[in-house]
Protein backbone atom coordinates (compact mmCIF):
# COMPACT_ATOMS: atom_id res chain seq x y z
CA MET A 1 24.46 -2.11 -31.76
CA GLY A 2 27.80 -3.53 -30.62
CA HIS A 3 28.65 -0.53 -28.46
CA VAL A 4 25.21 -0.43 -26.83
CA GLU A 5 25.10 -4.18 -26.12
CA SER A 6 28.35 -4.03 -24.18
CA LYS A 7 26.61 -1.71 -21.72
CA MET A 8 23.41 -3.76 -21.39
CA ILE A 9 22.61 -5.29 -18.01
CA GLU A 10 20.39 -8.35 -17.72
CA PHE A 11 17.76 -8.12 -14.99
CA TYR A 12 14.55 -9.73 -13.76
CA LYS A 13 11.46 -7.89 -12.55
CA MET A 14 9.60 -9.75 -9.81
CA SER A 15 6.65 -9.03 -7.56
CA GLY A 16 6.01 -10.38 -4.07
CA SER A 17 2.38 -9.69 -3.16
CA GLY A 18 2.49 -6.18 -4.60
CA ASN A 19 6.09 -5.27 -3.72
CA ASP A 20 8.08 -5.14 -6.96
CA PHE A 21 11.82 -5.52 -7.32
CA ILE A 22 14.62 -5.44 -9.87
CA ILE A 23 17.06 -8.34 -9.44
CA ILE A 24 20.52 -8.46 -11.05
CA ASP A 25 22.95 -11.39 -10.89
CA ASN A 26 26.26 -9.82 -9.86
CA ARG A 27 27.99 -13.00 -8.65
CA ASP A 28 30.98 -12.22 -10.89
CA LEU A 29 31.03 -8.68 -9.40
CA SER A 30 31.20 -7.25 -12.94
CA LEU A 31 28.42 -4.67 -12.52
CA ASN A 32 30.14 -1.42 -13.37
CA VAL A 33 27.65 1.43 -13.07
CA GLY A 34 29.44 3.83 -10.73
CA ASP A 35 27.66 4.72 -7.50
CA LEU A 36 25.29 1.82 -6.71
CA SER A 37 22.98 3.91 -4.55
CA GLU A 38 22.46 6.38 -7.39
CA PHE A 39 22.04 3.52 -9.89
CA ALA A 40 19.32 1.99 -7.68
CA ARG A 41 17.51 5.30 -7.33
CA LYS A 42 17.51 5.83 -11.08
CA VAL A 43 16.36 2.36 -12.21
CA CYS A 44 13.63 2.30 -9.53
CA ARG A 45 12.02 5.53 -10.81
CA GLN A 46 8.46 4.99 -11.98
CA LYS A 47 7.73 6.09 -15.56
CA LEU A 48 11.33 7.18 -16.21
CA SER A 49 12.97 3.77 -15.89
CA VAL A 50 12.02 0.21 -14.90
CA GLY A 51 10.26 1.35 -11.73
CA ALA A 52 10.34 -0.72 -8.52
CA ASP A 53 10.24 -0.63 -4.72
CA GLY A 54 13.86 -1.74 -4.59
CA LEU A 55 16.91 -3.29 -6.25
CA PHE A 56 18.71 -6.52 -5.32
CA LEU A 57 22.22 -7.43 -6.43
CA ILE A 58 23.03 -11.13 -5.99
CA GLU A 59 26.67 -11.57 -4.94
CA PRO A 60 28.94 -14.40 -3.74
CA SER A 61 28.95 -15.50 -0.09
CA THR A 62 31.37 -17.62 1.92
CA VAL A 63 28.73 -18.63 4.51
CA ALA A 64 25.55 -19.19 2.46
CA ASP A 65 24.41 -19.89 -1.12
CA PHE A 66 24.79 -16.19 -1.93
CA LYS A 67 24.43 -12.77 -0.38
CA TRP A 68 22.50 -9.71 -1.46
CA GLN A 69 23.00 -5.99 -1.61
CA PHE A 70 19.58 -4.38 -1.25
CA PHE A 71 18.68 -0.79 -2.04
CA ASN A 72 15.34 0.93 -1.44
CA SER A 73 13.90 2.98 -4.31
CA ASP A 74 15.37 6.16 -2.80
CA GLY A 75 18.87 4.65 -3.02
CA SER A 76 19.23 3.95 0.71
CA MET A 77 20.48 0.54 1.82
CA ALA A 78 18.11 -1.54 3.93
CA GLU A 79 18.99 -4.35 6.31
CA MET A 80 16.10 -6.59 5.41
CA CYS A 81 13.08 -6.99 3.13
CA GLY A 82 10.54 -9.77 3.70
CA ASN A 83 8.80 -9.84 0.32
CA GLY A 84 12.08 -9.12 -1.41
CA SER A 85 13.62 -12.16 0.23
CA ARG A 86 10.81 -14.31 -1.21
CA CYS A 87 11.40 -12.86 -4.71
CA VAL A 88 15.16 -13.36 -4.45
CA ALA A 89 14.68 -16.99 -3.34
CA ARG A 90 12.49 -17.84 -6.34
CA TYR A 91 14.90 -16.01 -8.65
CA ALA A 92 17.86 -17.98 -7.25
CA CYS A 93 16.01 -21.29 -7.60
CA LEU A 94 14.88 -20.58 -11.20
CA ASN A 95 18.38 -19.54 -12.24
CA GLY A 96 20.20 -22.47 -10.65
CA ILE A 97 21.97 -20.22 -8.13
CA ALA A 98 20.55 -22.35 -5.30
CA GLY A 99 18.32 -25.38 -4.82
CA LYS A 100 14.69 -25.36 -3.63
CA THR A 101 15.96 -25.06 -0.07
CA MET A 102 18.56 -22.34 0.39
CA SER A 103 20.10 -19.77 2.67
CA PHE A 104 21.40 -16.31 1.87
CA GLU A 105 23.24 -13.55 3.64
CA THR A 106 21.70 -10.14 4.41
CA ILE A 107 22.80 -7.27 6.66
CA ALA A 108 20.14 -8.46 9.15
CA GLY A 109 21.54 -12.00 9.21
CA ILE A 110 21.18 -15.28 7.31
CA ILE A 111 17.75 -15.99 5.84
CA SER A 112 16.65 -19.49 4.86
CA ALA A 113 13.99 -20.15 2.22
CA GLU A 114 11.98 -22.92 0.64
CA VAL A 115 10.64 -22.60 -2.91
CA ASN A 116 7.64 -24.63 -4.06
CA GLU A 117 6.69 -23.48 -7.59
CA ASP A 118 5.44 -19.89 -7.10
CA ILE A 119 4.93 -20.25 -3.33
CA VAL A 120 7.95 -19.19 -1.30
CA LYS A 121 8.34 -19.57 2.46
CA VAL A 122 11.21 -17.73 4.13
CA LYS A 123 12.49 -18.09 7.67
CA LEU A 124 13.33 -14.61 8.87
CA THR A 125 15.89 -13.56 11.45
CA ASP A 126 14.61 -13.41 15.03
CA PRO A 127 12.90 -10.09 15.79
CA SER A 128 13.57 -7.82 18.74
CA SER A 129 11.12 -8.06 21.63
CA VAL A 130 7.85 -6.19 21.06
CA ILE A 131 7.46 -2.91 22.96
CA SER A 132 3.68 -2.54 23.38
CA GLY A 133 1.57 0.52 24.01
CA GLU A 134 3.90 3.49 23.66
CA ARG A 135 1.77 6.63 23.56
CA ILE A 136 3.19 9.12 21.09
CA GLY A 137 1.79 12.54 20.25
CA VAL A 138 1.63 13.28 16.53
CA ASP A 139 0.21 16.65 15.46
CA GLY A 140 -2.23 16.79 18.38
CA ARG A 141 -3.32 13.16 17.97
CA ILE A 142 -2.18 10.39 20.33
CA PHE A 143 -1.12 7.13 18.69
CA VAL A 144 -0.66 3.98 20.75
CA LEU A 145 2.22 2.26 18.98
CA ASP A 146 3.72 -1.20 19.32
CA SER A 147 7.35 -1.23 18.16
CA VAL A 148 9.36 -4.22 16.94
CA ASN A 149 12.40 -4.69 14.74
CA THR A 150 11.76 -7.51 12.28
CA GLY A 151 15.02 -6.89 10.41
CA VAL A 152 14.02 -3.24 10.03
CA PRO A 153 12.15 -1.10 12.59
CA HIS A 154 8.34 -1.00 12.56
CA ALA A 155 5.75 0.86 14.62
CA VAL A 156 2.26 -0.68 14.53
CA ALA A 157 -1.00 1.14 15.30
CA PHE A 158 -4.31 -0.73 15.50
CA VAL A 159 -7.07 1.31 13.87
CA ASP A 160 -10.80 0.78 13.27
CA ASN A 161 -11.36 2.48 9.94
CA LEU A 162 -8.44 1.03 7.97
CA GLN A 163 -9.75 1.56 4.43
CA SER A 164 -10.47 5.26 4.94
CA PHE A 165 -7.40 5.86 7.12
CA ALA A 166 -4.92 8.49 5.78
CA VAL A 167 -1.93 6.11 5.73
CA SER A 168 0.45 8.31 3.72
CA GLU A 169 -0.22 11.39 5.85
CA TRP A 170 0.00 9.81 9.33
CA GLY A 171 2.58 7.24 8.23
CA ARG A 172 4.98 9.96 7.14
CA LYS A 173 4.57 11.79 10.45
CA ILE A 174 5.23 8.66 12.51
CA ARG A 175 8.10 7.62 10.26
CA PHE A 176 9.93 10.93 10.85
CA HIS A 177 8.83 11.38 14.51
CA LYS A 178 11.63 12.40 16.87
CA HIS A 179 10.87 9.36 19.05
CA PHE A 180 12.28 7.15 16.25
CA ALA A 181 15.21 9.44 15.33
CA PRO A 182 17.71 9.32 13.81
CA LYS A 183 16.90 6.36 11.53
CA GLY A 184 13.14 6.61 11.62
CA THR A 185 10.69 3.71 11.41
CA ASN A 186 8.24 2.05 9.07
CA ALA A 187 4.63 2.76 10.09
CA ASP A 188 1.96 0.04 10.00
CA PHE A 189 -1.79 0.39 10.47
CA ALA A 190 -3.66 -2.81 11.25
CA THR A 191 -7.12 -4.17 12.00
CA VAL A 192 -7.65 -7.57 13.62
CA ILE A 193 -10.38 -9.53 11.81
CA ASP A 194 -10.27 -12.75 13.86
CA ARG A 195 -7.80 -14.98 15.77
CA HIS A 196 -6.00 -15.92 12.55
CA LYS A 197 -6.49 -12.94 10.27
CA ILE A 198 -5.49 -9.28 10.19
CA GLN A 199 -5.64 -6.55 7.58
CA LEU A 200 -2.68 -4.23 7.10
CA ARG A 201 -1.53 -1.05 5.36
CA THR A 202 2.09 0.13 5.55
CA TYR A 203 4.00 3.36 5.02
CA GLU A 204 7.53 2.28 4.06
CA ARG A 205 10.66 4.11 5.05
CA GLY A 206 12.95 4.39 2.02
CA VAL A 207 10.03 4.27 -0.42
CA GLU A 208 8.52 7.22 1.52
CA ASP A 209 4.94 6.30 0.70
CA GLU A 210 2.37 3.60 1.24
CA THR A 211 3.27 0.37 -0.57
CA LEU A 212 0.91 -2.41 -1.67
CA ALA A 213 2.62 -4.83 0.71
CA CYS A 214 5.51 -5.06 3.17
CA GLY A 215 6.75 -8.43 4.41
CA THR A 216 8.60 -7.23 7.51
CA GLY A 217 5.55 -5.06 8.30
CA MET A 218 3.24 -8.07 8.09
CA VAL A 219 5.42 -9.90 10.58
CA ALA A 220 5.57 -6.83 12.84
CA ALA A 221 1.77 -6.44 12.84
CA ALA A 222 1.17 -10.15 13.46
CA LEU A 223 3.63 -10.17 16.39
CA ALA A 224 2.21 -6.94 17.85
CA ALA A 225 -1.30 -8.45 17.72
CA ALA A 226 -0.03 -11.72 19.22
CA GLN A 227 1.76 -9.86 22.01
CA ARG A 228 -1.61 -8.27 22.85
CA GLY A 229 -3.26 -11.72 22.85
CA LEU A 230 -5.46 -10.87 19.85
CA VAL A 231 -4.17 -13.53 17.42
CA GLU A 232 -2.29 -16.82 17.39
CA SER A 233 -0.08 -18.49 14.78
CA PRO A 234 -0.55 -18.91 11.86
CA VAL A 235 -1.87 -15.46 10.92
CA ASP A 236 -3.11 -14.56 7.45
CA VAL A 237 -2.36 -10.94 6.58
CA LEU A 238 -4.49 -9.24 3.93
CA VAL A 239 -2.61 -6.36 2.25
CA GLN A 240 -3.45 -3.50 -0.13
CA SER A 241 -2.60 -5.50 -3.26
CA GLY A 242 -5.53 -7.77 -2.38
CA GLU A 243 -3.20 -10.70 -1.68
CA THR A 244 -2.96 -12.68 1.53
CA LEU A 245 0.27 -13.89 3.08
CA CYS A 246 0.73 -16.27 5.97
CA ILE A 247 2.93 -15.58 9.01
CA TYR A 248 4.04 -18.40 11.33
CA PHE A 249 5.70 -17.83 14.71
CA THR A 250 6.28 -19.40 18.11
CA ARG A 251 6.80 -17.86 21.53
CA HIS A 252 9.71 -18.71 23.80
CA ASP A 253 9.31 -17.02 27.17
CA ASP A 254 8.81 -13.39 26.14
CA LEU A 255 10.54 -13.65 22.77
CA TRP A 256 9.11 -14.46 19.34
CA LYS A 257 11.07 -17.03 17.37
CA GLU A 258 10.85 -19.23 14.26
CA ILE A 259 9.28 -16.51 12.14
CA TYR A 260 8.15 -17.63 8.68
CA LEU A 261 6.61 -15.58 5.88
CA GLU A 262 4.84 -17.50 3.11
CA GLY A 263 3.10 -16.39 -0.07
CA LYS A 264 3.11 -16.19 -3.85
CA VAL A 265 5.86 -14.64 -5.94
CA LYS A 266 5.31 -13.47 -9.53
CA MET A 267 8.01 -13.63 -12.16
CA VAL A 268 7.01 -10.58 -14.22
CA TYR A 269 9.68 -10.24 -16.92
CA GLN A 270 13.32 -10.61 -17.85
CA GLY A 271 14.99 -7.77 -19.72
CA LEU A 272 18.11 -5.92 -20.76
CA LEU A 273 18.76 -2.56 -19.19
CA PHE A 274 20.05 0.11 -21.55
CA GLU A 275 22.45 2.71 -20.19
CA GLU A 276 19.75 5.36 -20.77
CA ALA A 277 17.69 3.71 -18.02
CA TYR A 278 20.12 4.86 -15.33
CA LYS A 279 21.80 7.93 -16.78
């Protein structure tokens, strides 16, 4: 076993409201697996490896408790991930990497977090202003989309029949629409239930399918609804996993600030990755 053990990589599997992630402590920068993008794609494969929506590598930072490298399941790097940031915060707290209150560095900026047992509240970077009511033709159908960048770009459509809505089909078309070229967008479909509650389904860029939850999408949908005067903070967001997360925000002139995302994080398992998992 000696030869195999030298190649084993310790990891945690965590789930934030239905988004699942692989987290590896790489603070000593010793992870030696070749191309990281390819490594991420391989370990995130369902059924053939661990399977996850994304991979986080925890690395040293000079300006915060730590920084992350984050890869989507297709191997692309993403600027930000709301539910992932909650998972990473609980992971860091449990492993003594940071205290219950922490900050960490992402491509989108510095995120601060507060861990209280399995409930994690993260303060996200300030979003762009919301562009409401862009009419975009998609395969003969007109979508009225509200766009906002909450660390990554999102386009939100309010629909009536959310449960029967073809999220994967229309989400893919909006995600790759020329209006959002070249990087594309995440596509969110929302229904407002009352002044403090919305329901949401999301097609995620980088996963290239509907996911059970998307933190930055929840924030985008809550802000789009607030911009339209349909909701006010705090807003509970019910997602496909059946879980509810809470979004807090305030308005300064025409900008949304002090964005918080709060909800449960599950520690699923800790394991050792064999080389076969990513070869």
